[in-house]
């Protein structure tokens, strides 16, 4: 594992980590003896990335419609893409309202 010193920009290999216990005592451990747990709770949702992922999956479903009997086997890419984006936007609108 590596760490960057903010003030200097220097990147170093981490060998030992000093941790603070609940009782305010210090504990030194090798990086091989611990598991880093991400406990940050301020993870904002990247709606643009989510929109892309939803539209991509929706487009795959729209394109696969041609294998369903009774559906139009012809596809027009601009219409298919527009439908996929509409599905993504509507789903995101619904998710944001909750």
N, C-alpha and C. Protein backbone atom coordinates (compact mmCIF):
# COMPACT_ATOMS: atom_id res chain seq x y z
N UNK A 1 0.86 -1.16 0.00
CA UNK A 1 0.00 0.00 0.00
C UNK A 1 0.91 1.23 0.00
N UNK A 2 0.47 2.27 -0.69
CA UNK A 2 1.23 3.51 -0.75
C UNK A 2 0.37 4.65 -0.23
N UNK A 3 1.05 5.71 0.21
CA UNK A 3 0.37 6.90 0.70
C UNK A 3 1.12 8.12 0.18
N UNK A 4 0.39 9.21 0.01
CA UNK A 4 0.98 10.46 -0.47
C UNK A 4 1.00 11.49 0.66
N UNK A 5 2.14 12.11 0.89
CA UNK A 5 2.23 13.18 1.87
C UNK A 5 1.70 14.44 1.21
N UNK A 6 0.62 14.99 1.73
CA UNK A 6 -0.07 16.10 1.10
C UNK A 6 0.83 17.32 0.95
N UNK A 7 1.57 17.67 1.99
CA UNK A 7 2.37 18.89 1.96
C UNK A 7 3.51 18.85 0.96
N UNK A 8 4.07 17.66 0.71
CA UNK A 8 5.23 17.57 -0.18
C UNK A 8 4.93 16.87 -1.51
N UNK A 9 3.85 16.10 -1.53
CA UNK A 9 3.53 15.33 -2.74
C UNK A 9 4.31 14.04 -2.83
N UNK A 10 5.15 13.77 -1.85
CA UNK A 10 5.98 12.57 -1.85
C UNK A 10 5.11 11.33 -1.64
N UNK A 11 5.37 10.29 -2.43
CA UNK A 11 4.63 9.03 -2.32
C UNK A 11 5.54 8.01 -1.66
N UNK A 12 5.02 7.40 -0.60
CA UNK A 12 5.80 6.45 0.18
C UNK A 12 5.08 5.12 0.29
N UNK A 13 5.85 4.07 0.48
CA UNK A 13 5.28 2.75 0.74
C UNK A 13 4.95 2.67 2.23
N UNK A 14 3.73 2.29 2.55
CA UNK A 14 3.29 2.21 3.95
C UNK A 14 3.68 0.85 4.50
N UNK A 15 4.38 0.87 5.64
CA UNK A 15 4.78 -0.37 6.30
C UNK A 15 3.99 -0.60 7.57
N UNK A 16 3.88 0.45 8.37
CA UNK A 16 3.15 0.37 9.63
C UNK A 16 2.18 1.53 9.74
N UNK A 17 1.09 1.29 10.45
CA UNK A 17 0.06 2.30 10.65
C UNK A 17 -0.22 2.40 12.14
N UNK A 18 -0.30 3.62 12.63
CA UNK A 18 -0.70 3.85 14.01
C UNK A 18 -2.18 4.19 14.02
N UNK A 19 -2.93 3.44 14.81
CA UNK A 19 -4.38 3.62 14.86
C UNK A 19 -4.79 4.08 16.25
N UNK A 20 -5.90 4.78 16.32
CA UNK A 20 -6.44 5.26 17.58
C UNK A 20 -7.62 4.39 17.98
N UNK A 21 -7.52 3.77 19.16
CA UNK A 21 -8.60 2.93 19.66
C UNK A 21 -9.69 3.79 20.29
N UNK A 22 -10.83 3.18 20.58
CA UNK A 22 -11.95 3.89 21.20
C UNK A 22 -11.58 4.52 22.55
N UNK A 23 -10.65 3.87 23.27
CA UNK A 23 -10.24 4.40 24.58
C UNK A 23 -9.09 5.42 24.46
N UNK A 24 -8.84 5.89 23.24
CA UNK A 24 -7.80 6.88 22.91
C UNK A 24 -6.38 6.34 23.04
N UNK A 25 -6.20 5.05 23.19
CA UNK A 25 -4.86 4.49 23.19
C UNK A 25 -4.43 4.23 21.75
N UNK A 26 -3.13 4.23 21.53
CA UNK A 26 -2.59 4.03 20.19
C UNK A 26 -2.23 2.57 19.97
N UNK A 27 -2.34 2.12 18.74
CA UNK A 27 -2.02 0.74 18.38
C UNK A 27 -1.24 0.77 17.07
N UNK A 28 -0.05 0.20 17.06
CA UNK A 28 0.76 0.12 15.84
C UNK A 28 0.56 -1.25 15.21
N UNK A 29 0.35 -1.26 13.90
CA UNK A 29 0.14 -2.53 13.22
C UNK A 29 0.79 -2.48 11.85
N UNK A 30 1.21 -3.62 11.38
CA UNK A 30 1.73 -3.74 10.02
C UNK A 30 0.55 -3.69 9.06
N UNK A 31 0.78 -3.15 7.88
CA UNK A 31 -0.31 -3.08 6.90
C UNK A 31 -0.79 -4.47 6.50
N UNK A 32 0.02 -5.48 6.73
CA UNK A 32 -0.37 -6.85 6.40
C UNK A 32 -1.31 -7.45 7.45
N UNK A 33 -1.39 -6.79 8.60
CA UNK A 33 -2.21 -7.31 9.70
C UNK A 33 -3.57 -6.62 9.81
N UNK A 34 -3.85 -5.69 8.93
CA UNK A 34 -5.11 -4.95 9.03
C UNK A 34 -5.83 -4.94 7.68
N UNK A 35 -7.10 -4.62 7.75
CA UNK A 35 -7.93 -4.43 6.55
C UNK A 35 -8.51 -3.03 6.64
N UNK A 36 -8.30 -2.23 5.60
CA UNK A 36 -8.82 -0.87 5.57
C UNK A 36 -10.31 -0.93 5.25
N UNK A 37 -11.13 -0.27 6.07
CA UNK A 37 -12.58 -0.25 5.87
C UNK A 37 -12.99 1.17 5.52
N UNK A 38 -13.66 1.32 4.40
CA UNK A 38 -14.13 2.64 3.98
C UNK A 38 -15.43 2.94 4.71
N UNK A 39 -15.38 3.88 5.64
CA UNK A 39 -16.58 4.21 6.40
C UNK A 39 -17.13 5.58 6.05
N UNK A 40 -16.69 6.12 4.93
CA UNK A 40 -17.20 7.44 4.53
C UNK A 40 -18.66 7.30 4.11
N UNK A 41 -19.47 8.19 4.61
CA UNK A 41 -20.91 8.14 4.35
C UNK A 41 -21.35 9.24 3.40
N UNK A 42 -20.42 10.03 2.93
CA UNK A 42 -20.78 11.16 2.08
C UNK A 42 -20.60 10.85 0.59
N UNK A 43 -20.94 9.64 0.20
CA UNK A 43 -20.81 9.25 -1.19
C UNK A 43 -22.02 9.75 -1.97
N UNK A 44 -21.80 10.78 -2.74
CA UNK A 44 -22.87 11.34 -3.55
C UNK A 44 -23.10 10.46 -4.78
N UNK A 45 -24.34 10.34 -5.18
CA UNK A 45 -24.67 9.55 -6.36
C UNK A 45 -24.31 10.35 -7.60
N UNK A 46 -23.57 9.74 -8.48
CA UNK A 46 -23.22 10.37 -9.75
C UNK A 46 -24.37 10.06 -10.72
N UNK A 47 -25.33 10.98 -10.81
CA UNK A 47 -26.53 10.74 -11.61
C UNK A 47 -26.23 10.63 -13.09
N UNK A 48 -25.22 11.34 -13.58
CA UNK A 48 -24.88 11.26 -15.00
C UNK A 48 -24.33 9.87 -15.33
N UNK A 49 -23.50 9.33 -14.44
CA UNK A 49 -22.98 7.98 -14.63
C UNK A 49 -24.11 6.97 -14.52
N UNK A 50 -25.00 7.15 -13.56
CA UNK A 50 -26.15 6.26 -13.39
C UNK A 50 -27.03 6.30 -14.64
N UNK A 51 -27.24 7.51 -15.19
CA UNK A 51 -28.06 7.67 -16.40
C UNK A 51 -27.45 6.89 -17.56
N UNK A 52 -26.13 6.99 -17.71
CA UNK A 52 -25.44 6.26 -18.77
C UNK A 52 -25.64 4.75 -18.61
N UNK A 53 -25.45 4.25 -17.39
CA UNK A 53 -25.57 2.81 -17.14
C UNK A 53 -26.99 2.31 -17.41
N UNK A 54 -27.98 3.07 -16.97
CA UNK A 54 -29.37 2.67 -17.18
C UNK A 54 -29.71 2.70 -18.66
N UNK A 55 -29.31 3.76 -19.35
CA UNK A 55 -29.61 3.88 -20.79
C UNK A 55 -28.92 2.76 -21.57
N UNK A 56 -27.70 2.42 -21.19
CA UNK A 56 -26.97 1.34 -21.87
C UNK A 56 -27.72 0.02 -21.72
N UNK A 57 -28.17 -0.27 -20.51
CA UNK A 57 -28.90 -1.51 -20.27
C UNK A 57 -30.26 -1.50 -20.97
N UNK A 58 -30.92 -0.34 -20.95
CA UNK A 58 -32.22 -0.23 -21.63
C UNK A 58 -32.06 -0.43 -23.13
N UNK A 59 -31.00 0.13 -23.71
CA UNK A 59 -30.77 -0.02 -25.14
C UNK A 59 -30.54 -1.49 -25.50
N UNK A 60 -29.83 -2.21 -24.66
CA UNK A 60 -29.62 -3.64 -24.91
C UNK A 60 -30.96 -4.37 -24.92
N UNK A 61 -31.85 -4.01 -24.00
CA UNK A 61 -33.18 -4.62 -23.97
C UNK A 61 -34.00 -4.26 -25.18
N UNK A 62 -33.93 -3.00 -25.60
CA UNK A 62 -34.68 -2.55 -26.78
C UNK A 62 -34.21 -3.28 -28.02
N UNK A 63 -32.91 -3.42 -28.17
CA UNK A 63 -32.36 -4.11 -29.35
C UNK A 63 -32.75 -5.58 -29.35
N UNK A 64 -32.83 -6.18 -28.16
CA UNK A 64 -33.18 -7.60 -28.10
C UNK A 64 -34.66 -7.86 -28.35
N UNK A 65 -35.47 -6.81 -28.43
CA UNK A 65 -36.90 -6.98 -28.70
C UNK A 65 -37.17 -7.71 -30.01
N UNK A 66 -36.25 -7.60 -30.95
CA UNK A 66 -36.49 -8.21 -32.26
C UNK A 66 -36.67 -9.72 -32.18
N UNK A 67 -36.20 -10.33 -31.10
CA UNK A 67 -36.36 -11.77 -30.95
C UNK A 67 -37.71 -12.16 -30.37
N UNK A 68 -38.52 -11.17 -29.99
CA UNK A 68 -39.84 -11.44 -29.43
C UNK A 68 -40.87 -11.47 -30.55
N UNK A 69 -41.59 -12.58 -30.71
CA UNK A 69 -42.59 -12.65 -31.79
C UNK A 69 -43.64 -11.55 -31.65
N UNK A 70 -44.00 -10.95 -32.79
CA UNK A 70 -45.03 -9.92 -32.80
C UNK A 70 -44.49 -8.50 -32.64
N UNK A 71 -43.19 -8.36 -32.42
CA UNK A 71 -42.61 -7.02 -32.32
C UNK A 71 -41.96 -6.64 -33.63
N UNK A 72 -41.77 -5.36 -33.83
CA UNK A 72 -41.16 -4.86 -35.05
C UNK A 72 -39.70 -5.30 -35.11
N UNK A 73 -39.32 -6.09 -36.12
CA UNK A 73 -37.94 -6.58 -36.18
C UNK A 73 -36.95 -5.52 -36.68
N UNK A 74 -37.45 -4.38 -37.15
CA UNK A 74 -36.57 -3.34 -37.68
C UNK A 74 -36.27 -2.31 -36.61
N UNK A 75 -35.03 -1.89 -36.57
CA UNK A 75 -34.61 -0.92 -35.58
C UNK A 75 -34.05 0.32 -36.25
N UNK A 76 -34.35 1.44 -35.66
CA UNK A 76 -33.83 2.72 -36.11
C UNK A 76 -33.03 3.26 -34.94
N UNK A 77 -31.72 3.30 -35.10
CA UNK A 77 -30.82 3.58 -33.98
C UNK A 77 -31.16 4.87 -33.26
N UNK A 78 -31.51 5.93 -33.98
CA UNK A 78 -31.81 7.18 -33.29
C UNK A 78 -33.05 7.06 -32.42
N UNK A 79 -34.05 6.33 -32.89
CA UNK A 79 -35.26 6.14 -32.08
C UNK A 79 -34.97 5.22 -30.89
N UNK A 80 -34.18 4.18 -31.13
CA UNK A 80 -33.85 3.26 -30.04
C UNK A 80 -33.05 3.97 -28.95
N UNK A 81 -32.08 4.78 -29.34
CA UNK A 81 -31.27 5.52 -28.37
C UNK A 81 -32.15 6.51 -27.60
N UNK A 82 -33.02 7.20 -28.30
CA UNK A 82 -33.91 8.15 -27.63
C UNK A 82 -34.81 7.45 -26.62
N UNK A 83 -35.33 6.28 -26.97
CA UNK A 83 -36.16 5.52 -26.04
C UNK A 83 -35.36 5.11 -24.81
N UNK A 84 -34.13 4.66 -25.03
CA UNK A 84 -33.30 4.23 -23.91
C UNK A 84 -33.03 5.39 -22.95
N UNK A 85 -32.75 6.56 -23.50
CA UNK A 85 -32.49 7.73 -22.66
C UNK A 85 -33.77 8.15 -21.93
N UNK A 86 -34.90 8.07 -22.60
CA UNK A 86 -36.17 8.40 -21.94
C UNK A 86 -36.43 7.46 -20.76
N UNK A 87 -36.17 6.17 -20.96
CA UNK A 87 -36.34 5.22 -19.86
C UNK A 87 -35.41 5.58 -18.70
N UNK A 88 -34.15 5.88 -19.01
CA UNK A 88 -33.19 6.23 -17.97
C UNK A 88 -33.63 7.49 -17.22
N UNK A 89 -34.04 8.51 -17.95
CA UNK A 89 -34.46 9.76 -17.32
C UNK A 89 -35.67 9.56 -16.43
N UNK A 90 -36.61 8.77 -16.89
CA UNK A 90 -37.82 8.53 -16.10
C UNK A 90 -37.50 7.74 -14.83
N UNK A 91 -36.64 6.75 -14.95
CA UNK A 91 -36.25 5.97 -13.78
C UNK A 91 -35.50 6.84 -12.77
N UNK A 92 -34.59 7.67 -13.24
CA UNK A 92 -33.85 8.56 -12.34
C UNK A 92 -34.78 9.55 -11.66
N UNK A 93 -35.73 10.09 -12.42
CA UNK A 93 -36.71 11.00 -11.84
C UNK A 93 -37.46 10.32 -10.70
N UNK A 94 -37.85 9.08 -10.92
CA UNK A 94 -38.55 8.31 -9.91
C UNK A 94 -37.66 8.04 -8.69
N UNK A 95 -36.40 7.67 -8.94
CA UNK A 95 -35.47 7.38 -7.84
C UNK A 95 -35.17 8.62 -7.00
N UNK A 96 -35.04 9.77 -7.66
CA UNK A 96 -34.75 11.01 -6.93
C UNK A 96 -35.93 11.47 -6.08
N UNK A 97 -37.13 11.08 -6.47
CA UNK A 97 -38.31 11.52 -5.71
C UNK A 97 -38.48 10.75 -4.41
N UNK A 98 -37.78 9.65 -4.25
CA UNK A 98 -37.91 8.83 -3.03
C UNK A 98 -36.87 9.20 -2.01
